Amino acid sequence: MIIADISVWIPFFNRPDSLEKRVLDHLIDTNEIVLVGVVLAEILQGCRTEKDRLTLKDALCALHYLSGGQPGNLDEGGRHLI
């Protein structure tokens, strides 16, 4: 599983010919992408309308979601163990 930062999601949504779009499309298609709360919040914050936000939220809810936040869930590098 791979966590994509907001810096990858922005070109995914805004530049259809970008490398980020192609890579994320592949990761989504192969069920390898996982969202975390702060990235999901940042993505939804960028929506222009409430309708867009709800539509996008529904689509993103189909992806894996990693919750947590307990220090025991982190490895030495501060990354979530998956």
N, C-alpha and C. Protein backbone atom coordinates (compact mmCIF):
# COMPACT_ATOMS: atom_id res chain seq x y z
N MET A 1 0.85 -1.19 0.00
CA MET A 1 0.00 0.00 0.00
C MET A 1 0.89 1.24 0.00
N ILE A 2 0.39 2.25 -0.69
CA ILE A 2 1.14 3.49 -0.84
C ILE A 2 0.26 4.66 -0.43
N ILE A 3 0.82 5.55 0.37
CA ILE A 3 0.14 6.79 0.76
C ILE A 3 0.65 7.89 -0.16
N ALA A 4 -0.25 8.52 -0.88
CA ALA A 4 0.12 9.64 -1.76
C ALA A 4 -0.15 10.95 -1.03
N ASP A 5 0.84 11.79 -0.99
CA ASP A 5 0.74 13.10 -0.37
C ASP A 5 -0.10 14.04 -1.24
N ILE A 6 -0.55 15.13 -0.65
CA ILE A 6 -1.35 16.11 -1.38
C ILE A 6 -0.59 16.65 -2.60
N SER A 7 0.73 16.69 -2.51
CA SER A 7 1.53 17.20 -3.63
C SER A 7 1.43 16.30 -4.87
N VAL A 8 0.96 15.08 -4.71
CA VAL A 8 0.72 14.18 -5.82
C VAL A 8 -0.73 14.28 -6.29
N TRP A 9 -1.65 14.45 -5.35
CA TRP A 9 -3.07 14.53 -5.69
C TRP A 9 -3.41 15.80 -6.47
N ILE A 10 -2.73 16.91 -6.18
CA ILE A 10 -3.05 18.18 -6.87
C ILE A 10 -2.87 18.04 -8.38
N PRO A 11 -1.72 17.57 -8.88
CA PRO A 11 -1.62 17.39 -10.32
C PRO A 11 -2.53 16.27 -10.85
N PHE A 12 -2.83 15.28 -10.02
CA PHE A 12 -3.76 14.23 -10.42
C PHE A 12 -5.09 14.84 -10.85
N PHE A 13 -5.58 15.79 -10.08
CA PHE A 13 -6.87 16.41 -10.39
C PHE A 13 -6.77 17.54 -11.41
N ASN A 14 -5.64 18.23 -11.46
CA ASN A 14 -5.55 19.45 -12.28
C ASN A 14 -4.82 19.30 -13.60
N ARG A 15 -4.03 18.24 -13.75
CA ARG A 15 -3.25 18.06 -14.98
C ARG A 15 -3.44 16.64 -15.51
N PRO A 16 -4.42 16.44 -16.38
CA PRO A 16 -4.76 15.09 -16.84
C PRO A 16 -3.63 14.36 -17.58
N ASP A 17 -2.64 15.09 -18.09
CA ASP A 17 -1.54 14.45 -18.80
C ASP A 17 -0.30 14.25 -17.93
N SER A 18 -0.42 14.50 -16.64
CA SER A 18 0.75 14.46 -15.77
C SER A 18 1.17 13.03 -15.40
N LEU A 19 2.42 12.90 -15.04
CA LEU A 19 2.94 11.63 -14.54
C LEU A 19 2.19 11.22 -13.28
N GLU A 20 1.90 12.19 -12.41
CA GLU A 20 1.17 11.89 -11.18
C GLU A 20 -0.19 11.27 -11.48
N LYS A 21 -0.87 11.78 -12.49
CA LYS A 21 -2.18 11.24 -12.88
C LYS A 21 -2.04 9.79 -13.34
N ARG A 22 -1.05 9.53 -14.18
CA ARG A 22 -0.85 8.16 -14.68
C ARG A 22 -0.50 7.19 -13.55
N VAL A 23 0.39 7.62 -12.67
CA VAL A 23 0.81 6.74 -11.57
C VAL A 23 -0.34 6.49 -10.60
N LEU A 24 -1.04 7.53 -10.19
CA LEU A 24 -2.16 7.34 -9.27
C LEU A 24 -3.28 6.53 -9.90
N ASP A 25 -3.55 6.74 -11.18
CA ASP A 25 -4.55 5.91 -11.87
C ASP A 25 -4.17 4.43 -11.76
N HIS A 26 -2.90 4.14 -12.00
CA HIS A 26 -2.43 2.75 -11.91
C HIS A 26 -2.59 2.21 -10.48
N LEU A 27 -2.18 3.01 -9.50
CA LEU A 27 -2.27 2.57 -8.10
C LEU A 27 -3.72 2.37 -7.67
N ILE A 28 -4.61 3.22 -8.14
CA ILE A 28 -6.03 3.06 -7.83
C ILE A 28 -6.58 1.81 -8.51
N ASP A 29 -6.23 1.63 -9.77
CA ASP A 29 -6.71 0.45 -10.51
C ASP A 29 -6.23 -0.86 -9.90
N THR A 30 -5.03 -0.85 -9.33
CA THR A 30 -4.46 -2.07 -8.75
C THR A 30 -4.71 -2.16 -7.25
N ASN A 31 -5.52 -1.23 -6.75
CA ASN A 31 -5.94 -1.26 -5.34
C ASN A 31 -4.75 -1.13 -4.38
N GLU A 32 -3.79 -0.28 -4.74
CA GLU A 32 -2.57 -0.12 -3.94
C GLU A 32 -2.49 1.21 -3.21
N ILE A 33 -3.47 2.08 -3.40
CA ILE A 33 -3.39 3.41 -2.79
C ILE A 33 -4.18 3.42 -1.49
N VAL A 34 -3.69 4.16 -0.52
CA VAL A 34 -4.39 4.30 0.76
C VAL A 34 -4.41 5.78 1.12
N LEU A 35 -5.53 6.23 1.64
CA LEU A 35 -5.66 7.62 2.08
C LEU A 35 -5.47 7.71 3.59
N VAL A 36 -4.96 8.84 4.02
CA VAL A 36 -4.90 9.16 5.45
C VAL A 36 -5.71 10.44 5.65
N GLY A 37 -6.13 10.65 6.88
CA GLY A 37 -7.05 11.73 7.19
C GLY A 37 -6.62 13.11 6.74
N VAL A 38 -5.37 13.47 7.01
CA VAL A 38 -4.93 14.82 6.67
C VAL A 38 -4.93 15.03 5.16
N VAL A 39 -4.56 14.03 4.38
CA VAL A 39 -4.57 14.16 2.92
C VAL A 39 -6.01 14.24 2.40
N LEU A 40 -6.88 13.41 2.94
CA LEU A 40 -8.29 13.47 2.55
C LEU A 40 -8.87 14.85 2.84
N ALA A 41 -8.58 15.38 4.02
CA ALA A 41 -9.08 16.72 4.39
C ALA A 41 -8.55 17.78 3.44
N GLU A 42 -7.27 17.70 3.08
CA GLU A 42 -6.68 18.68 2.16
C GLU A 42 -7.31 18.58 0.77
N ILE A 43 -7.55 17.37 0.30
CA ILE A 43 -8.18 17.19 -1.01
C ILE A 43 -9.58 17.81 -1.00
N LEU A 44 -10.37 17.48 0.00
CA LEU A 44 -11.75 17.97 0.06
C LEU A 44 -11.81 19.48 0.27
N GLN A 45 -10.81 20.03 0.94
CA GLN A 45 -10.77 21.47 1.16
C GLN A 45 -10.60 22.23 -0.16
N GLY A 46 -10.02 21.58 -1.15
CA GLY A 46 -9.80 22.22 -2.44
C GLY A 46 -11.01 22.25 -3.35
N CYS A 47 -12.10 21.62 -2.95
CA CYS A 47 -13.31 21.62 -3.79
C CYS A 47 -13.95 23.00 -3.80
N ARG A 48 -14.48 23.36 -4.96
CA ARG A 48 -15.07 24.69 -5.10
C ARG A 48 -16.51 24.75 -4.61
N THR A 49 -17.24 23.64 -4.71
CA THR A 49 -18.64 23.65 -4.28
C THR A 49 -18.90 22.47 -3.35
N GLU A 50 -19.97 22.57 -2.61
CA GLU A 50 -20.37 21.48 -1.72
C GLU A 50 -20.72 20.23 -2.52
N LYS A 51 -21.36 20.43 -3.66
CA LYS A 51 -21.70 19.28 -4.52
C LYS A 51 -20.43 18.57 -4.97
N ASP A 52 -19.42 19.32 -5.41
CA ASP A 52 -18.15 18.72 -5.81
C ASP A 52 -17.50 17.98 -4.65
N ARG A 53 -17.56 18.58 -3.46
CA ARG A 53 -16.96 17.97 -2.28
C ARG A 53 -17.62 16.63 -1.96
N LEU A 54 -18.95 16.60 -2.01
CA LEU A 54 -19.66 15.36 -1.70
C LEU A 54 -19.41 14.28 -2.76
N THR A 55 -19.38 14.68 -4.02
CA THR A 55 -19.10 13.73 -5.10
C THR A 55 -17.70 13.15 -4.95
N LEU A 56 -16.74 14.01 -4.70
CA LEU A 56 -15.36 13.56 -4.55
C LEU A 56 -15.20 12.70 -3.29
N LYS A 57 -15.84 13.10 -2.22
CA LYS A 57 -15.76 12.32 -0.98
C LYS A 57 -16.30 10.91 -1.21
N ASP A 58 -17.42 10.79 -1.91
CA ASP A 58 -17.97 9.46 -2.21
C ASP A 58 -16.98 8.62 -3.02
N ALA A 59 -16.35 9.24 -4.01
CA ALA A 59 -15.38 8.51 -4.84
C ALA A 59 -14.16 8.09 -4.03
N LEU A 60 -13.67 8.99 -3.20
CA LEU A 60 -12.47 8.69 -2.41
C LEU A 60 -12.74 7.66 -1.31
N CYS A 61 -13.98 7.58 -0.86
CA CYS A 61 -14.32 6.61 0.18
C CYS A 61 -14.22 5.17 -0.33
N ALA A 62 -14.13 5.00 -1.65
CA ALA A 62 -13.95 3.66 -2.21
C ALA A 62 -12.51 3.18 -2.05
N LEU A 63 -11.59 4.10 -1.74
CA LEU A 63 -10.18 3.74 -1.55
C LEU A 63 -9.95 3.24 -0.13
N HIS A 64 -8.83 2.57 0.06
CA HIS A 64 -8.45 2.16 1.41
C HIS A 64 -8.20 3.41 2.24
N TYR A 65 -8.52 3.34 3.51
CA TYR A 65 -8.32 4.46 4.43
C TYR A 65 -7.55 3.95 5.63
N LEU A 66 -6.48 4.63 5.96
CA LEU A 66 -5.65 4.25 7.10
C LEU A 66 -5.92 5.21 8.23
N SER A 67 -6.52 4.70 9.28
CA SER A 67 -6.72 5.55 10.46
C SER A 67 -5.68 5.15 11.49
N GLY A 68 -5.61 5.89 12.51
CA GLY A 68 -4.62 5.55 13.53
C GLY A 68 -4.24 6.78 14.30
N GLY A 69 -2.97 6.94 14.45
CA GLY A 69 -2.49 8.09 15.20
C GLY A 69 -1.90 7.70 16.54
N GLN A 70 -1.99 6.45 16.89
CA GLN A 70 -1.37 5.98 18.12
C GLN A 70 0.12 5.80 17.87
N PRO A 71 0.97 6.27 18.77
CA PRO A 71 2.41 6.13 18.55
C PRO A 71 2.85 4.68 18.31
N GLY A 72 2.17 3.72 18.85
CA GLY A 72 2.52 2.33 18.63
C GLY A 72 2.30 1.87 17.20
N ASN A 73 1.58 2.66 16.40
CA ASN A 73 1.31 2.31 15.02
C ASN A 73 2.37 2.86 14.06
N LEU A 74 3.42 3.46 14.60
CA LEU A 74 4.43 4.09 13.76
C LEU A 74 5.74 3.33 13.86
N ASP A 75 6.46 3.24 12.75
CA ASP A 75 7.78 2.66 12.82
C ASP A 75 8.78 3.75 13.18
N GLU A 76 10.06 3.46 13.20
CA GLU A 76 11.06 4.43 13.65
C GLU A 76 11.12 5.66 12.76
N GLY A 77 10.74 5.51 11.49
CA GLY A 77 10.78 6.64 10.58
C GLY A 77 9.54 7.51 10.65
N GLY A 78 8.59 7.15 11.51
CA GLY A 78 7.37 7.93 11.64
C GLY A 78 6.31 7.58 10.64
N ARG A 79 6.54 6.52 9.88
CA ARG A 79 5.57 6.10 8.87
C ARG A 79 4.67 5.02 9.46
N HIS A 80 3.42 5.03 9.02
CA HIS A 80 2.50 3.99 9.47
C HIS A 80 2.92 2.64 8.91
N LEU A 81 2.86 1.64 9.74
CA LEU A 81 3.11 0.30 9.27
C LEU A 81 1.86 -0.22 8.58
N ILE A 82 2.02 -0.79 7.43
CA ILE A 82 0.87 -1.26 6.66
C ILE A 82 1.02 -2.75 6.47
